[in-house]
Amino acid sequence: MLRRKPTAIAITSEDVAKLEDLRLRKHREETQAHAHESVKSTLNHTAIDPNDELKPLPGDKARIVRSREERIGICRRN
């Protein structure tokens, strides 16, 4: 098998500048996304219903439907 010389890669200052610009742009986008999420979550926190804790969960409806006798354990069984 023949060997060849390794390919020489030359990095110019323009390449470095493009890479730095790309990293800076990505950092700005991430910062803006985090800021947007922060504002969005802040808005969601201000719209909390104070009576929400008193509302039954979806799974609790099955328990609410039971009669008084079923709740205290004196059911008629045939």
PDB file of N, CA and C in Angstrom:
ATOM      1  N   MET A   1       0.841  -1.161   0.000  1.00  0.00           N
ATOM      2  CA  MET A   1       0.000   0.000   0.000  1.00  0.00           C
ATOM      3  C   MET A   1       0.897   1.238   0.000  1.00  0.00           C
ATOM      4  N   LEU A   2       0.559   2.171  -0.850  1.00  0.00           N
ATOM      5  CA  LEU A   2       1.354   3.390  -0.957  1.00  0.00           C
ATOM      6  C   LEU A   2       0.902   4.411   0.078  1.00  0.00           C
ATOM      7  N   ARG A   3       1.853   5.100   0.618  1.00  0.00           N
ATOM      8  CA  ARG A   3       1.529   6.162   1.573  1.00  0.00           C
ATOM      9  C   ARG A   3       1.625   7.490   0.867  1.00  0.00           C
ATOM     10  N   ARG A   4       0.789   8.402   1.281  1.00  0.00           N
ATOM     11  CA  ARG A   4       0.858   9.734   0.706  1.00  0.00           C
ATOM     12  C   ARG A   4       1.086  10.735   1.824  1.00  0.00           C
ATOM     13  N   LYS A   5       1.481  11.895   1.449  1.00  0.00           N
ATOM     14  CA  LYS A   5       1.736  12.937   2.437  1.00  0.00           C
ATOM     15  C   LYS A   5       0.404  13.377   3.042  1.00  0.00           C
ATOM     16  N   PRO A   6       0.391  13.703   4.327  1.00  0.00           N
ATOM     17  CA  PRO A   6      -0.850  14.188   4.927  1.00  0.00           C
ATOM     18  C   PRO A   6      -1.256  15.525   4.320  1.00  0.00           C
ATOM     19  N   THR A   7      -2.552  15.727   4.266  1.00  0.00           N
ATOM     20  CA  THR A   7      -3.076  16.966   3.714  1.00  0.00           C
ATOM     21  C   THR A   7      -2.838  18.094   4.710  1.00  0.00           C
ATOM     22  N   ALA A   8      -2.278  19.155   4.228  1.00  0.00           N
ATOM     23  CA  ALA A   8      -2.022  20.312   5.088  1.00  0.00           C
ATOM     24  C   ALA A   8      -3.269  21.192   5.118  1.00  0.00           C
ATOM     25  N   ILE A   9      -3.712  21.512   6.307  1.00  0.00           N
ATOM     26  CA  ILE A   9      -4.881  22.368   6.465  1.00  0.00           C
ATOM     27  C   ILE A   9      -4.395  23.715   6.971  1.00  0.00           C
ATOM     28  N   ALA A  10      -4.761  24.738   6.246  1.00  0.00           N
ATOM     29  CA  ALA A  10      -4.358  26.086   6.636  1.00  0.00           C
ATOM     30  C   ALA A  10      -5.579  26.835   7.153  1.00  0.00           C
ATOM     31  N   ILE A  11      -5.504  27.296   8.379  1.00  0.00           N
ATOM     32  CA  ILE A  11      -6.598  28.061   8.973  1.00  0.00           C
ATOM     33  C   ILE A  11      -6.210  29.527   8.924  1.00  0.00           C
ATOM     34  N   THR A  12      -7.092  30.303   8.319  1.00  0.00           N
ATOM     35  CA  THR A  12      -6.809  31.728   8.173  1.00  0.00           C
ATOM     36  C   THR A  12      -7.523  32.515   9.266  1.00  0.00           C
ATOM     37  N   SER A  13      -7.185  33.774   9.372  1.00  0.00           N
ATOM     38  CA  SER A  13      -7.843  34.627  10.364  1.00  0.00           C
ATOM     39  C   SER A  13      -9.324  34.810  10.021  1.00  0.00           C
ATOM     40  N   GLU A  14      -9.671  34.732   8.744  1.00  0.00           N
ATOM     41  CA  GLU A  14     -11.079  34.816   8.342  1.00  0.00           C
ATOM     42  C   GLU A  14     -11.865  33.614   8.862  1.00  0.00           C
ATOM     43  N   ASP A  15     -11.239  32.438   8.810  1.00  0.00           N
ATOM     44  CA  ASP A  15     -11.888  31.239   9.334  1.00  0.00           C
ATOM     45  C   ASP A  15     -12.136  31.365  10.835  1.00  0.00           C
ATOM     46  N   VAL A  16     -11.162  31.880  11.545  1.00  0.00           N
ATOM     47  CA  VAL A  16     -11.298  32.061  12.989  1.00  0.00           C
ATOM     48  C   VAL A  16     -12.393  33.084  13.285  1.00  0.00           C
ATOM     49  N   ALA A  17     -12.440  34.162  12.507  1.00  0.00           N
ATOM     50  CA  ALA A  17     -13.457  35.198  12.708  1.00  0.00           C
ATOM     51  C   ALA A  17     -14.859  34.634  12.456  1.00  0.00           C
ATOM     52  N   LYS A  18     -15.011  33.803  11.418  1.00  0.00           N
ATOM     53  CA  LYS A  18     -16.311  33.184  11.137  1.00  0.00           C
ATOM     54  C   LYS A  18     -16.741  32.273  12.287  1.00  0.00           C
ATOM     55  N   LEU A  19     -15.789  31.509  12.804  1.00  0.00           N
ATOM     56  CA  LEU A  19     -16.093  30.606  13.910  1.00  0.00           C
ATOM     57  C   LEU A  19     -16.507  31.392  15.156  1.00  0.00           C
ATOM     58  N   GLU A  20     -15.795  32.466  15.452  1.00  0.00           N
ATOM     59  CA  GLU A  20     -16.145  33.291  16.610  1.00  0.00           C
ATOM     60  C   GLU A  20     -17.516  33.936  16.433  1.00  0.00           C
ATOM     61  N   ASP A  21     -17.808  34.413  15.225  1.00  0.00           N
ATOM     62  CA  ASP A  21     -19.128  34.995  14.959  1.00  0.00           C
ATOM     63  C   ASP A  21     -20.237  33.960  15.138  1.00  0.00           C
ATOM     64  N   LEU A  22     -19.988  32.754  14.663  1.00  0.00           N
ATOM     65  CA  LEU A  22     -20.972  31.680  14.793  1.00  0.00           C
ATOM     66  C   LEU A  22     -21.228  31.354  16.263  1.00  0.00           C
ATOM     67  N   ARG A  23     -20.161  31.235  17.042  1.00  0.00           N
ATOM     68  CA  ARG A  23     -20.313  30.948  18.472  1.00  0.00           C
ATOM     69  C   ARG A  23     -21.048  32.077  19.187  1.00  0.00           C
ATOM     70  N   LEU A  24     -20.719  33.316  18.844  1.00  0.00           N
ATOM     71  CA  LEU A  24     -21.372  34.466  19.463  1.00  0.00           C
ATOM     72  C   LEU A  24     -22.865  34.490  19.126  1.00  0.00           C
ATOM     73  N   ARG A  25     -23.205  34.197  17.872  1.00  0.00           N
ATOM     74  CA  ARG A  25     -24.601  34.176  17.448  1.00  0.00           C
ATOM     75  C   ARG A  25     -25.376  33.085  18.199  1.00  0.00           C
ATOM     76  N   LYS A  26     -24.778  31.891  18.318  1.00  0.00           N
ATOM     77  CA  LYS A  26     -25.445  30.803  19.037  1.00  0.00           C
ATOM     78  C   LYS A  26     -25.641  31.164  20.505  1.00  0.00           C
ATOM     79  N   HIS A  27     -24.636  31.801  21.097  1.00  0.00           N
ATOM     80  CA  HIS A  27     -24.741  32.205  22.498  1.00  0.00           C
ATOM     81  C   HIS A  27     -25.858  33.230  22.682  1.00  0.00           C
ATOM     82  N   ARG A  28     -25.962  34.177  21.773  1.00  0.00           N
ATOM     83  CA  ARG A  28     -27.026  35.185  21.853  1.00  0.00           C
ATOM     84  C   ARG A  28     -28.399  34.542  21.712  1.00  0.00           C
ATOM     85  N   GLU A  29     -28.531  33.601  20.773  1.00  0.00           N
ATOM     86  CA  GLU A  29     -29.813  32.925  20.577  1.00  0.00           C
ATOM     87  C   GLU A  29     -30.215  32.150  21.830  1.00  0.00           C
ATOM     88  N   GLU A  30     -29.252  31.463  22.450  1.00  0.00           N
ATOM     89  CA  GLU A  30     -29.550  30.717  23.672  1.00  0.00           C
ATOM     90  C   GLU A  30     -29.947  31.660  24.798  1.00  0.00           C
ATOM     91  N   THR A  31     -29.246  32.775  24.898  1.00  0.00           N
ATOM     92  CA  THR A  31     -29.557  33.752  25.941  1.00  0.00           C
ATOM     93  C   THR A  31     -30.952  34.321  25.740  1.00  0.00           C
ATOM     94  N   GLN A  32     -31.297  34.632  24.503  1.00  0.00           N
ATOM     95  CA  GLN A  32     -32.631  35.160  24.217  1.00  0.00           C
ATOM     96  C   GLN A  32     -33.701  34.110  24.497  1.00  0.00           C
ATOM     97  N   ALA A  33     -33.408  32.857  24.162  1.00  0.00           N
ATOM     98  CA  ALA A  33     -34.378  31.786  24.409  1.00  0.00           C
ATOM     99  C   ALA A  33     -34.610  31.620  25.910  1.00  0.00           C
ATOM    100  N   HIS A  34     -33.531  31.659  26.697  1.00  0.00           N
ATOM    101  CA  HIS A  34     -33.676  31.535  28.149  1.00  0.00           C
ATOM    102  C   HIS A  34     -34.428  32.730  28.722  1.00  0.00           C
ATOM    103  N   ALA A  35     -34.152  33.912  28.203  1.00  0.00           N
ATOM    104  CA  ALA A  35     -34.852  35.111  28.676  1.00  0.00           C
ATOM    105  C   ALA A  35     -36.336  35.022  28.331  1.00  0.00           C
ATOM    106  N   HIS A  36     -36.637  34.530  27.131  1.00  0.00           N
ATOM    107  CA  HIS A  36     -38.037  34.382  26.712  1.00  0.00           C
ATOM    108  C   HIS A  36     -38.752  33.366  27.607  1.00  0.00           C
ATOM    109  N   GLU A  37     -38.093  32.251  27.902  1.00  0.00           N
ATOM    110  CA  GLU A  37     -38.690  31.235  28.774  1.00  0.00           C
ATOM    111  C   GLU A  37     -38.898  31.793  30.180  1.00  0.00           C
ATOM    112  N   SER A  38     -37.967  32.595  30.643  1.00  0.00           N
ATOM    113  CA  SER A  38     -38.086  33.191  31.971  1.00  0.00           C
ATOM    114  C   SER A  38     -39.287  34.125  32.037  1.00  0.00           C
ATOM    115  N   VAL A  39     -39.449  34.948  31.014  1.00  0.00           N
ATOM    116  CA  VAL A  39     -40.587  35.870  30.968  1.00  0.00           C
ATOM    117  C   VAL A  39     -41.883  35.083  30.856  1.00  0.00           C
ATOM    118  N   LYS A  40     -41.869  34.043  30.038  1.00  0.00           N
ATOM    119  CA  LYS A  40     -43.065  33.225  29.846  1.00  0.00           C
ATOM    120  C   LYS A  40     -43.465  32.533  31.149  1.00  0.00           C
ATOM    121  N   SER A  41     -42.493  31.988  31.876  1.00  0.00           N
ATOM    122  CA  SER A  41     -42.815  31.320  33.137  1.00  0.00           C
ATOM    123  C   SER A  41     -43.272  32.324  34.186  1.00  0.00           C
ATOM    124  N   THR A  42     -42.719  33.535  34.153  1.00  0.00           N
ATOM    125  CA  THR A  42     -43.152  34.571  35.087  1.00  0.00           C
ATOM    126  C   THR A  42     -44.604  34.940  34.817  1.00  0.00           C
ATOM    127  N   LEU A  43     -44.974  35.046  33.557  1.00  0.00           N
ATOM    128  CA  LEU A  43     -46.355  35.362  33.212  1.00  0.00           C
ATOM    129  C   LEU A  43     -47.291  34.237  33.631  1.00  0.00           C
ATOM    130  N   ASN A  44     -46.829  33.001  33.498  1.00  0.00           N
ATOM    131  CA  ASN A  44     -47.657  31.866  33.901  1.00  0.00           C
ATOM    132  C   ASN A  44     -47.846  31.835  35.413  1.00  0.00           C
ATOM    133  N   HIS A  45     -46.842  32.237  36.169  1.00  0.00           N
ATOM    134  CA  HIS A  45     -46.954  32.226  37.622  1.00  0.00           C
ATOM    135  C   HIS A  45     -47.929  33.282  38.117  1.00  0.00           C
ATOM    136  N   THR A  46     -48.070  34.366  37.408  1.00  0.00           N
ATOM    137  CA  THR A  46     -48.978  35.412  37.857  1.00  0.00           C
ATOM    138  C   THR A  46     -50.434  35.054  37.570  1.00  0.00           C
ATOM    139  N   ALA A  47     -50.686  34.082  36.705  1.00  0.00           N
ATOM    140  CA  ALA A  47     -52.052  33.726  36.336  1.00  0.00           C
ATOM    141  C   ALA A  47     -52.536  32.479  37.065  1.00  0.00           C
ATOM    142  N   ILE A  48     -52.013  32.188  38.247  1.00  0.00           N
ATOM    143  CA  ILE A  48     -52.397  30.997  38.993  1.00  0.00           C
ATOM    144  C   ILE A  48     -53.743  31.226  39.673  1.00  0.00           C
ATOM    145  N   ASP A  49     -54.598  30.238  39.555  1.00  0.00           N
ATOM    146  CA  ASP A  49     -55.908  30.291  40.197  1.00  0.00           C
ATOM    147  C   ASP A  49     -55.734  29.918  41.671  1.00  0.00           C
ATOM    148  N   PRO A  50     -56.110  30.792  42.608  1.00  0.00           N
ATOM    149  CA  PRO A  50     -55.916  30.470  44.028  1.00  0.00           C
ATOM    150  C   PRO A  50     -56.784  29.308  44.497  1.00  0.00           C
ATOM    151  N   ASN A  51     -57.871  29.025  43.807  1.00  0.00           N
ATOM    152  CA  ASN A  51     -58.746  27.923  44.193  1.00  0.00           C
ATOM    153  C   ASN A  51     -58.374  26.613  43.510  1.00  0.00           C
ATOM    154  N   ASP A  52     -57.271  26.600  42.792  1.00  0.00           N
ATOM    155  CA  ASP A  52     -56.875  25.412  42.051  1.00  0.00           C
ATOM    156  C   ASP A  52     -56.600  24.236  42.982  1.00  0.00           C
ATOM    157  N   GLU A  53     -56.094  24.497  44.172  1.00  0.00           N
ATOM    158  CA  GLU A  53     -55.800  23.416  45.103  1.00  0.00           C
ATOM    159  C   GLU A  53     -57.070  22.741  45.600  1.00  0.00           C
ATOM    160  N   LEU A  54     -58.186  23.434  45.537  1.00  0.00           N
ATOM    161  CA  LEU A  54     -59.436  22.881  46.025  1.00  0.00           C
ATOM    162  C   LEU A  54     -60.150  22.025  44.993  1.00  0.00           C
ATOM    163  N   LYS A  55     -59.746  22.120  43.735  1.00  0.00           N
ATOM    164  CA  LYS A  55     -60.401  21.359  42.676  1.00  0.00           C
ATOM    165  C   LYS A  55     -59.906  19.915  42.703  1.00  0.00           C
ATOM    166  N   PRO A  56     -60.795  18.943  42.504  1.00  0.00           N
ATOM    167  CA  PRO A  56     -60.355  17.545  42.500  1.00  0.00           C
ATOM    168  C   PRO A  56     -59.559  17.224  41.238  1.00  0.00           C
ATOM    169  N   LEU A  57     -58.651  16.287  41.377  1.00  0.00           N
ATOM    170  CA  LEU A  57     -57.876  15.823  40.235  1.00  0.00           C
ATOM    171  C   LEU A  57     -58.748  14.911  39.379  1.00  0.00           C
ATOM    172  N   PRO A  58     -58.392  14.688  38.112  1.00  0.00           N
ATOM    173  CA  PRO A  58     -59.216  13.835  37.243  1.00  0.00           C
ATOM    174  C   PRO A  58     -59.429  12.435  37.798  1.00  0.00           C
ATOM    175  N   GLY A  59     -58.456  11.853  38.464  1.00  0.00           N
ATOM    176  CA  GLY A  59     -58.606  10.517  39.026  1.00  0.00           C
ATOM    177  C   GLY A  59     -59.470  10.481  40.268  1.00  0.00           C
ATOM    178  N   ASP A  60     -59.704  11.615  40.889  1.00  0.00           N
ATOM    179  CA  ASP A  60     -60.491  11.672  42.116  1.00  0.00           C
ATOM    180  C   ASP A  60     -61.991  11.577  41.865  1.00  0.00           C
ATOM    181  N   LYS A  61     -62.441  11.743  40.645  1.00  0.00           N
ATOM    182  CA  LYS A  61     -63.874  11.717  40.356  1.00  0.00           C
ATOM    183  C   LYS A  61     -64.477  10.355  40.671  1.00  0.00           C
ATOM    184  N   ALA A  62     -63.742   9.287  40.486  1.00  0.00           N
ATOM    185  CA  ALA A  62     -64.253   7.953  40.779  1.00  0.00           C
ATOM    186  C   ALA A  62     -64.529   7.806  42.269  1.00  0.00           C
ATOM    187  N   ARG A  63     -63.721   8.421  43.092  1.00  0.00           N
ATOM    188  CA  ARG A  63     -63.936   8.347  44.534  1.00  0.00           C
ATOM    189  C   ARG A  63     -65.124   9.208  44.967  1.00  0.00           C
ATOM    190  N   ILE A  64     -65.360  10.305  44.302  1.00  0.00           N
ATOM    191  CA  ILE A  64     -66.442  11.206  44.664  1.00  0.00           C
ATOM    192  C   ILE A  64     -67.800  10.571  44.361  1.00  0.00           C
ATOM    193  N   VAL A  65     -67.878   9.737  43.342  1.00  0.00           N
ATOM    194  CA  VAL A  65     -69.137   9.148  42.903  1.00  0.00           C
ATOM    195  C   VAL A  65     -69.659   8.119  43.908  1.00  0.00           C
ATOM    196  N   ARG A  66     -68.788   7.558  44.744  1.00  0.00           N
ATOM    197  CA  ARG A  66     -69.225   6.526  45.684  1.00  0.00           C
ATOM    198  C   ARG A  66     -70.242   7.080  46.682  1.00  0.00           C
ATOM    199  N   SER A  67     -71.122   6.226  47.076  1.00  0.00           N
ATOM    200  CA  SER A  67     -72.157   6.643  48.033  1.00  0.00           C
ATOM    201  C   SER A  67     -71.590   6.681  49.451  1.00  0.00           C
ATOM    202  N   ARG A  68     -72.391   7.208  50.355  1.00  0.00           N
ATOM    203  CA  ARG A  68     -71.954   7.327  51.745  1.00  0.00           C
ATOM    204  C   ARG A  68     -71.694   5.945  52.345  1.00  0.00           C
ATOM    205  N   GLU A  69     -72.570   4.996  52.044  1.00  0.00           N
ATOM    206  CA  GLU A  69     -72.421   3.644  52.577  1.00  0.00           C
ATOM    207  C   GLU A  69     -71.133   2.987  52.079  1.00  0.00           C
ATOM    208  N   GLU A  70     -70.820   3.210  50.822  1.00  0.00           N
ATOM    209  CA  GLU A  70     -69.583   2.649  50.279  1.00  0.00           C
ATOM    210  C   GLU A  70     -68.364   3.269  50.948  1.00  0.00           C
ATOM    211  N   ARG A  71     -68.461   4.541  51.262  1.00  0.00           N
ATOM    212  CA  ARG A  71     -67.320   5.210  51.882  1.00  0.00           C
ATOM    213  C   ARG A  71     -67.064   4.701  53.296  1.00  0.00           C
ATOM    214  N   ILE A  72     -68.124   4.434  54.040  1.00  0.00           N
ATOM    215  CA  ILE A  72     -67.918   3.990  55.421  1.00  0.00           C
ATOM    216  C   ILE A  72     -67.878   2.469  55.546  1.00  0.00           C
ATOM    217  N   GLY A  73     -68.149   1.759  54.461  1.00  0.00           N
ATOM    218  CA  GLY A  73     -67.944   0.316  54.429  1.00  0.00           C
ATOM    219  C   GLY A  73     -69.138  -0.533  54.802  1.00  0.00           C
ATOM    220  N   ILE A  74     -70.350  -0.021  54.716  1.00  0.00           N
ATOM    221  CA  ILE A  74     -71.528  -0.842  55.002  1.00  0.00           C
ATOM    222  C   ILE A  74     -72.343  -1.017  53.725  1.00  0.00           C
ATOM    223  N   CYS A  75     -71.764  -1.699  52.769  1.00  0.00           N
ATOM    224  CA  CYS A  75     -72.425  -1.937  51.481  1.00  0.00           C
ATOM    225  C   CYS A  75     -73.264  -3.204  51.580  1.00  0.00           C
ATOM    226  N   ARG A  76     -74.332  -3.257  50.808  1.00  0.00           N
ATOM    227  CA  ARG A  76     -75.129  -4.474  50.710  1.00  0.00           C
ATOM    228  C   ARG A  76     -74.470  -5.379  49.687  1.00  0.00           C
ATOM    229  N   ARG A  77     -74.172  -6.571  50.118  1.00  0.00           N
ATOM    230  CA  ARG A  77     -73.569  -7.534  49.195  1.00  0.00           C
ATOM    231  C   ARG A  77     -74.503  -8.731  49.087  1.00  0.00           C
ATOM    232  N   ASN A  78     -74.773  -9.132  47.855  1.00  0.00           N
ATOM    233  CA  ASN A  78     -75.679 -10.266  47.631  1.00  0.00           C
ATOM    234  C   ASN A  78     -74.917 -11.544  47.549  1.00  0.00           C
TER     235      ASN A  78
END
